[in-house]
Amino acid sequence: ALAGHGIYDFFHDYLVSNPGVPPWWA
């Protein structure tokens, strides 16, 4: 799950538009 969340982070900006996320977070 931790590794999977890392993969999610990689694709996050393509999957979800979340205006609160700092640009460096993912």
PDB file of all heavy atoms in Angstrom:
ATOM      1  N   ALA A   1       0.837  -1.210   0.000  1.00  0.00           N
ATOM      2  CA  ALA A   1       0.000   0.000   0.000  1.00  0.00           C
ATOM      3  C   ALA A   1       0.869   1.256   0.000  1.00  0.00           C
ATOM      4  O   ALA A   1       0.566   2.230  -0.701  1.00  0.00           O
ATOM      5  CB  ALA A   1      -0.944  -0.006   1.193  1.00  0.00           C
ATOM      6  N   LEU A   2       1.944   1.244   0.784  1.00  0.00           N
ATOM      7  CA  LEU A   2       2.860   2.391   0.788  1.00  0.00           C
ATOM      8  C   LEU A   2       3.469   2.591  -0.600  1.00  0.00           C
ATOM      9  O   LEU A   2       3.502   3.714  -1.120  1.00  0.00           O
ATOM     10  CB  LEU A   2       3.967   2.188   1.823  1.00  0.00           C
ATOM     11  CG  LEU A   2       3.590   2.452   3.271  1.00  0.00           C
ATOM     12  CD1 LEU A   2       4.633   1.862   4.219  1.00  0.00           C
ATOM     13  CD2 LEU A   2       3.410   3.941   3.516  1.00  0.00           C
ATOM     14  N   ALA A   3       3.933   1.509  -1.216  1.00  0.00           N
ATOM     15  CA  ALA A   3       4.489   1.608  -2.571  1.00  0.00           C
ATOM     16  C   ALA A   3       3.409   2.053  -3.555  1.00  0.00           C
ATOM     17  O   ALA A   3       3.658   2.893  -4.429  1.00  0.00           O
ATOM     18  CB  ALA A   3       5.086   0.271  -2.996  1.00  0.00           C
ATOM     19  N   GLY A   4       2.213   1.511  -3.394  1.00  0.00           N
ATOM     20  CA  GLY A   4       1.098   1.898  -4.261  1.00  0.00           C
ATOM     21  C   GLY A   4       0.752   3.373  -4.129  1.00  0.00           C
ATOM     22  O   GLY A   4       0.418   4.036  -5.116  1.00  0.00           O
ATOM     23  N   HIS A   5       0.853   3.895  -2.923  1.00  0.00           N
ATOM     24  CA  HIS A   5       0.587   5.320  -2.738  1.00  0.00           C
ATOM     25  C   HIS A   5       1.662   6.156  -3.420  1.00  0.00           C
ATOM     26  O   HIS A   5       1.371   7.225  -3.959  1.00  0.00           O
ATOM     27  CB  HIS A   5       0.480   5.674  -1.250  1.00  0.00           C
ATOM     28  CG  HIS A   5      -0.177   7.002  -1.031  1.00  0.00           C
ATOM     29  ND1 HIS A   5       0.538   8.174  -1.028  1.00  0.00           N
ATOM     30  CD2 HIS A   5      -1.476   7.327  -0.835  1.00  0.00           C
ATOM     31  CE1 HIS A   5      -0.304   9.172  -0.822  1.00  0.00           C
ATOM     32  NE2 HIS A   5      -1.536   8.679  -0.708  1.00  0.00           N
ATOM     33  N   GLY A   6       2.896   5.648  -3.427  1.00  0.00           N
ATOM     34  CA  GLY A   6       3.952   6.338  -4.169  1.00  0.00           C
ATOM     35  C   GLY A   6       3.632   6.404  -5.655  1.00  0.00           C
ATOM     36  O   GLY A   6       3.833   7.437  -6.300  1.00  0.00           O
ATOM     37  N   ILE A   7       3.111   5.317  -6.189  1.00  0.00           N
ATOM     38  CA  ILE A   7       2.699   5.302  -7.600  1.00  0.00           C
ATOM     39  C   ILE A   7       1.543   6.281  -7.814  1.00  0.00           C
ATOM     40  O   ILE A   7       1.511   7.026  -8.798  1.00  0.00           O
ATOM     41  CB  ILE A   7       2.320   3.871  -8.038  1.00  0.00           C
ATOM     42  CG1 ILE A   7       3.571   2.991  -8.006  1.00  0.00           C
ATOM     43  CG2 ILE A   7       1.667   3.865  -9.419  1.00  0.00           C
ATOM     44  CD1 ILE A   7       3.286   1.503  -8.100  1.00  0.00           C
ATOM     45  N   TYR A   8       0.602   6.292  -6.875  1.00  0.00           N
ATOM     46  CA  TYR A   8      -0.508   7.252  -6.936  1.00  0.00           C
ATOM     47  C   TYR A   8       0.028   8.684  -6.957  1.00  0.00           C
ATOM     48  O   TYR A   8      -0.453   9.524  -7.723  1.00  0.00           O
ATOM     49  CB  TYR A   8      -1.454   7.024  -5.756  1.00  0.00           C
ATOM     50  CG  TYR A   8      -2.543   8.060  -5.629  1.00  0.00           C
ATOM     51  CD1 TYR A   8      -3.470   8.252  -6.646  1.00  0.00           C
ATOM     52  CD2 TYR A   8      -2.651   8.851  -4.489  1.00  0.00           C
ATOM     53  CE1 TYR A   8      -4.462   9.207  -6.535  1.00  0.00           C
ATOM     54  CE2 TYR A   8      -3.645   9.795  -4.362  1.00  0.00           C
ATOM     55  CZ  TYR A   8      -4.542   9.969  -5.391  1.00  0.00           C
ATOM     56  OH  TYR A   8      -5.535  10.911  -5.275  1.00  0.00           O
ATOM     57  N   ASP A   9       1.026   8.975  -6.130  1.00  0.00           N
ATOM     58  CA  ASP A   9       1.620  10.314  -6.112  1.00  0.00           C
ATOM     59  C   ASP A   9       2.155  10.696  -7.496  1.00  0.00           C
ATOM     60  O   ASP A   9       1.995  11.839  -7.938  1.00  0.00           O
ATOM     61  CB  ASP A   9       2.785  10.391  -5.109  1.00  0.00           C
ATOM     62  CG  ASP A   9       2.335  10.282  -3.672  1.00  0.00           C
ATOM     63  OD1 ASP A   9       1.298  10.871  -3.321  1.00  0.00           O
ATOM     64  OD2 ASP A   9       3.024   9.605  -2.896  1.00  0.00           O
ATOM     65  N   PHE A  10       2.778   9.731  -8.163  1.00  0.00           N
ATOM     66  CA  PHE A  10       3.344   9.996  -9.488  1.00  0.00           C
ATOM     67  C   PHE A  10       2.270  10.444 -10.476  1.00  0.00           C
ATOM     68  O   PHE A  10       2.489  11.340 -11.297  1.00  0.00           O
ATOM     69  CB  PHE A  10       4.064   8.748 -10.009  1.00  0.00           C
ATOM     70  CG  PHE A  10       4.760   8.959 -11.314  1.00  0.00           C
ATOM     71  CD1 PHE A  10       6.000   9.590 -11.360  1.00  0.00           C
ATOM     72  CD2 PHE A  10       4.182   8.538 -12.505  1.00  0.00           C
ATOM     73  CE1 PHE A  10       6.645   9.795 -12.570  1.00  0.00           C
ATOM     74  CE2 PHE A  10       4.821   8.731 -13.717  1.00  0.00           C
ATOM     75  CZ  PHE A  10       6.058   9.368 -13.753  1.00  0.00           C
ATOM     76  N   PHE A  11       1.097   9.828 -10.398  1.00  0.00           N
ATOM     77  CA  PHE A  11       0.014  10.122 -11.340  1.00  0.00           C
ATOM     78  C   PHE A  11      -1.019  11.098 -10.789  1.00  0.00           C
ATOM     79  O   PHE A  11      -1.971  11.438 -11.494  1.00  0.00           O
ATOM     80  CB  PHE A  11      -0.691   8.817 -11.748  1.00  0.00           C
ATOM     81  CG  PHE A  11       0.173   7.913 -12.572  1.00  0.00           C
ATOM     82  CD1 PHE A  11       0.747   6.784 -12.011  1.00  0.00           C
ATOM     83  CD2 PHE A  11       0.433   8.194 -13.903  1.00  0.00           C
ATOM     84  CE1 PHE A  11       1.554   5.945 -12.763  1.00  0.00           C
ATOM     85  CE2 PHE A  11       1.239   7.370 -14.668  1.00  0.00           C
ATOM     86  CZ  PHE A  11       1.797   6.241 -14.092  1.00  0.00           C
ATOM     87  N   HIS A  12      -0.856  11.550  -9.556  1.00  0.00           N
ATOM     88  CA  HIS A  12      -1.897  12.337  -8.883  1.00  0.00           C
ATOM     89  C   HIS A  12      -2.383  13.524  -9.703  1.00  0.00           C
ATOM     90  O   HIS A  12      -3.589  13.717  -9.865  1.00  0.00           O
ATOM     91  CB  HIS A  12      -1.418  12.820  -7.500  1.00  0.00           C
ATOM     92  CG  HIS A  12      -2.472  13.570  -6.771  1.00  0.00           C
ATOM     93  ND1 HIS A  12      -2.595  14.941  -6.854  1.00  0.00           N
ATOM     94  CD2 HIS A  12      -3.485  13.144  -5.968  1.00  0.00           C
ATOM     95  CE1 HIS A  12      -3.630  15.322  -6.130  1.00  0.00           C
ATOM     96  NE2 HIS A  12      -4.179  14.252  -5.575  1.00  0.00           N
ATOM     97  N   ASP A  13      -1.475  14.334 -10.208  1.00  0.00           N
ATOM     98  CA  ASP A  13      -1.882  15.539 -10.926  1.00  0.00           C
ATOM     99  C   ASP A  13      -2.667  15.238 -12.194  1.00  0.00           C
ATOM    100  O   ASP A  13      -3.439  16.074 -12.655  1.00  0.00           O
ATOM    101  CB  ASP A  13      -0.659  16.396 -11.265  1.00  0.00           C
ATOM    102  CG  ASP A  13      -0.053  17.031 -10.025  1.00  0.00           C
ATOM    103  OD1 ASP A  13      -0.717  17.058  -8.966  1.00  0.00           O
ATOM    104  OD2 ASP A  13       1.104  17.497 -10.105  1.00  0.00           O
ATOM    105  N   TYR A  14      -2.497  14.048 -12.759  1.00  0.00           N
ATOM    106  CA  TYR A  14      -3.253  13.650 -13.951  1.00  0.00           C
ATOM    107  C   TYR A  14      -4.626  13.097 -13.593  1.00  0.00           C
ATOM    108  O   TYR A  14      -5.517  13.062 -14.430  1.00  0.00           O
ATOM    109  CB  TYR A  14      -2.481  12.594 -14.749  1.00  0.00           C
ATOM    110  CG  TYR A  14      -1.122  13.057 -15.191  1.00  0.00           C
ATOM    111  CD1 TYR A  14       0.020  12.602 -14.557  1.00  0.00           C
ATOM    112  CD2 TYR A  14      -0.979  13.974 -16.230  1.00  0.00           C
ATOM    113  CE1 TYR A  14       1.275  13.030 -14.948  1.00  0.00           C
ATOM    114  CE2 TYR A  14       0.274  14.420 -16.633  1.00  0.00           C
ATOM    115  CZ  TYR A  14       1.393  13.942 -15.978  1.00  0.00           C
ATOM    116  OH  TYR A  14       2.619  14.382 -16.368  1.00  0.00           O
ATOM    117  N   LEU A  15      -4.776  12.658 -12.343  1.00  0.00           N
ATOM    118  CA  LEU A  15      -6.009  12.006 -11.914  1.00  0.00           C
ATOM    119  C   LEU A  15      -6.969  12.931 -11.170  1.00  0.00           C
ATOM    120  O   LEU A  15      -8.184  12.795 -11.306  1.00  0.00           O
ATOM    121  CB  LEU A  15      -5.674  10.805 -11.009  1.00  0.00           C
ATOM    122  CG  LEU A  15      -4.816   9.713 -11.621  1.00  0.00           C
ATOM    123  CD1 LEU A  15      -4.403   8.702 -10.554  1.00  0.00           C
ATOM    124  CD2 LEU A  15      -5.573   9.035 -12.754  1.00  0.00           C
ATOM    125  N   VAL A  16      -6.418  13.828 -10.357  1.00  0.00           N
ATOM    126  CA  VAL A  16      -7.253  14.669  -9.498  1.00  0.00           C
ATOM    127  C   VAL A  16      -6.760  16.110  -9.568  1.00  0.00           C
ATOM    128  O   VAL A  16      -5.571  16.373  -9.411  1.00  0.00           O
ATOM    129  CB  VAL A  16      -7.189  14.193  -8.017  1.00  0.00           C
ATOM    130  CG1 VAL A  16      -8.106  15.041  -7.144  1.00  0.00           C
ATOM    131  CG2 VAL A  16      -7.529  12.728  -7.886  1.00  0.00           C
ATOM    132  N   SER A  17      -7.692  17.020  -9.771  1.00  0.00           N
ATOM    133  CA  SER A  17      -7.362  18.440  -9.697  1.00  0.00           C
ATOM    134  C   SER A  17      -7.654  18.900  -8.278  1.00  0.00           C
ATOM    135  O   SER A  17      -8.811  19.074  -7.896  1.00  0.00           O
ATOM    136  CB  SER A  17      -8.199  19.232 -10.709  1.00  0.00           C
ATOM    137  OG  SER A  17      -7.932  20.607 -10.565  1.00  0.00           O
ATOM    138  N   ASN A  18      -6.603  19.055  -7.494  1.00  0.00           N
ATOM    139  CA  ASN A  18      -6.745  19.420  -6.081  1.00  0.00           C
ATOM    140  C   ASN A  18      -5.961  20.708  -5.856  1.00  0.00           C
ATOM    141  O   ASN A  18      -4.736  20.680  -5.743  1.00  0.00           O
ATOM    142  CB  ASN A  18      -6.217  18.286  -5.198  1.00  0.00           C
ATOM    143  CG  ASN A  18      -6.466  18.515  -3.731  1.00  0.00           C
ATOM    144  OD1 ASN A  18      -6.677  19.637  -3.289  1.00  0.00           O
ATOM    145  ND2 ASN A  18      -6.428  17.447  -2.954  1.00  0.00           N
ATOM    146  N   PRO A  19      -6.675  21.858  -5.778  1.00  0.00           N
ATOM    147  CA  PRO A  19      -5.986  23.147  -5.696  1.00  0.00           C
ATOM    148  C   PRO A  19      -5.203  23.374  -4.399  1.00  0.00           C
ATOM    149  O   PRO A  19      -4.364  24.271  -4.339  1.00  0.00           O
ATOM    150  CB  PRO A  19      -7.124  24.165  -5.820  1.00  0.00           C
ATOM    151  CG  PRO A  19      -8.340  23.441  -5.360  1.00  0.00           C
ATOM    152  CD  PRO A  19      -8.133  21.999  -5.763  1.00  0.00           C
ATOM    153  N   GLY A  20      -5.420  22.566  -3.389  1.00  0.00           N
ATOM    154  CA  GLY A  20      -4.717  22.751  -2.129  1.00  0.00           C
ATOM    155  C   GLY A  20      -3.348  22.108  -2.070  1.00  0.00           C
ATOM    156  O   GLY A  20      -2.568  22.381  -1.154  1.00  0.00           O
ATOM    157  N   VAL A  21      -3.032  21.263  -3.040  1.00  0.00           N
ATOM    158  CA  VAL A  21      -1.764  20.530  -3.025  1.00  0.00           C
ATOM    159  C   VAL A  21      -0.625  21.453  -3.467  1.00  0.00           C
ATOM    160  O   VAL A  21      -0.667  21.995  -4.567  1.00  0.00           O
ATOM    161  CB  VAL A  21      -1.823  19.284  -3.948  1.00  0.00           C
ATOM    162  CG1 VAL A  21      -0.491  18.559  -3.974  1.00  0.00           C
ATOM    163  CG2 VAL A  21      -2.930  18.346  -3.502  1.00  0.00           C
ATOM    164  N   PRO A  22       0.401  21.602  -2.628  1.00  0.00           N
ATOM    165  CA  PRO A  22       1.561  22.401  -3.054  1.00  0.00           C
ATOM    166  C   PRO A  22       2.246  21.742  -4.251  1.00  0.00           C
ATOM    167  O   PRO A  22       2.217  20.514  -4.394  1.00  0.00           O
ATOM    168  CB  PRO A  22       2.494  22.367  -1.830  1.00  0.00           C
ATOM    169  CG  PRO A  22       1.659  21.911  -0.686  1.00  0.00           C
ATOM    170  CD  PRO A  22       0.543  21.099  -1.260  1.00  0.00           C
ATOM    171  N   PRO A  23       2.873  22.527  -5.114  1.00  0.00           N
ATOM    172  CA  PRO A  23       3.472  21.963  -6.326  1.00  0.00           C
ATOM    173  C   PRO A  23       4.563  20.920  -6.063  1.00  0.00           C
ATOM    174  O   PRO A  23       4.793  20.043  -6.878  1.00  0.00           O
ATOM    175  CB  PRO A  23       4.059  23.175  -7.054  1.00  0.00           C
ATOM    176  CG  PRO A  23       3.793  24.361  -6.215  1.00  0.00           C
ATOM    177  CD  PRO A  23       2.984  23.967  -5.034  1.00  0.00           C
ATOM    178  N   TRP A  24       5.216  20.980  -4.936  1.00  0.00           N
ATOM    179  CA  TRP A  24       6.312  20.065  -4.621  1.00  0.00           C
ATOM    180  C   TRP A  24       5.841  18.801  -3.902  1.00  0.00           C
ATOM    181  O   TRP A  24       6.603  17.869  -3.720  1.00  0.00           O
ATOM    182  CB  TRP A  24       7.355  20.771  -3.735  1.00  0.00           C
ATOM    183  CG  TRP A  24       6.739  21.469  -2.558  1.00  0.00           C
ATOM    184  CD1 TRP A  24       6.357  22.777  -2.505  1.00  0.00           C
ATOM    185  CD2 TRP A  24       6.392  20.898  -1.294  1.00  0.00           C
ATOM    186  NE1 TRP A  24       5.794  23.053  -1.274  1.00  0.00           N
ATOM    187  CE2 TRP A  24       5.803  21.911  -0.507  1.00  0.00           C
ATOM    188  CE3 TRP A  24       6.520  19.624  -0.740  1.00  0.00           C
ATOM    189  CZ2 TRP A  24       5.347  21.696   0.791  1.00  0.00           C
ATOM    190  CZ3 TRP A  24       6.062  19.411   0.555  1.00  0.00           C
ATOM    191  CH2 TRP A  24       5.485  20.440   1.299  1.00  0.00           C
ATOM    192  N   TRP A  25       4.584  18.751  -3.481  1.00  0.00           N
ATOM    193  CA  TRP A  25       4.120  17.687  -2.595  1.00  0.00           C
ATOM    194  C   TRP A  25       4.222  16.289  -3.204  1.00  0.00           C
ATOM    195  O   TRP A  25       4.703  15.354  -2.555  1.00  0.00           O
ATOM    196  CB  TRP A  25       2.681  17.932  -2.140  1.00  0.00           C
ATOM    197  CG  TRP A  25       2.224  16.818  -1.255  1.00  0.00           C
ATOM    198  CD1 TRP A  25       1.389  15.791  -1.576  1.00  0.00           C
ATOM    199  CD2 TRP A  25       2.644  16.571   0.089  1.00  0.00           C
ATOM    200  NE1 TRP A  25       1.258  14.932  -0.521  1.00  0.00           N
ATOM    201  CE2 TRP A  25       2.023  15.400   0.520  1.00  0.00           C
ATOM    202  CE3 TRP A  25       3.497  17.233   0.967  1.00  0.00           C
ATOM    203  CZ2 TRP A  25       2.219  14.857   1.782  1.00  0.00           C
ATOM    204  CZ3 TRP A  25       3.683  16.709   2.234  1.00  0.00           C
ATOM    205  CH2 TRP A  25       3.052  15.534   2.621  1.00  0.00           C
ATOM    206  N   ALA A  26       3.738  16.107  -4.425  1.00  0.00           N
ATOM    207  CA  ALA A  26       3.698  14.767  -5.025  1.00  0.00           C
ATOM    208  C   ALA A  26       5.092  14.158  -5.105  1.00  0.00           C
ATOM    209  O   ALA A  26       5.272  12.972  -4.813  1.00  0.00           O
ATOM    210  CB  ALA A  26       3.043  14.814  -6.400  1.00  0.00           C
TER     211      ALA A  26
END
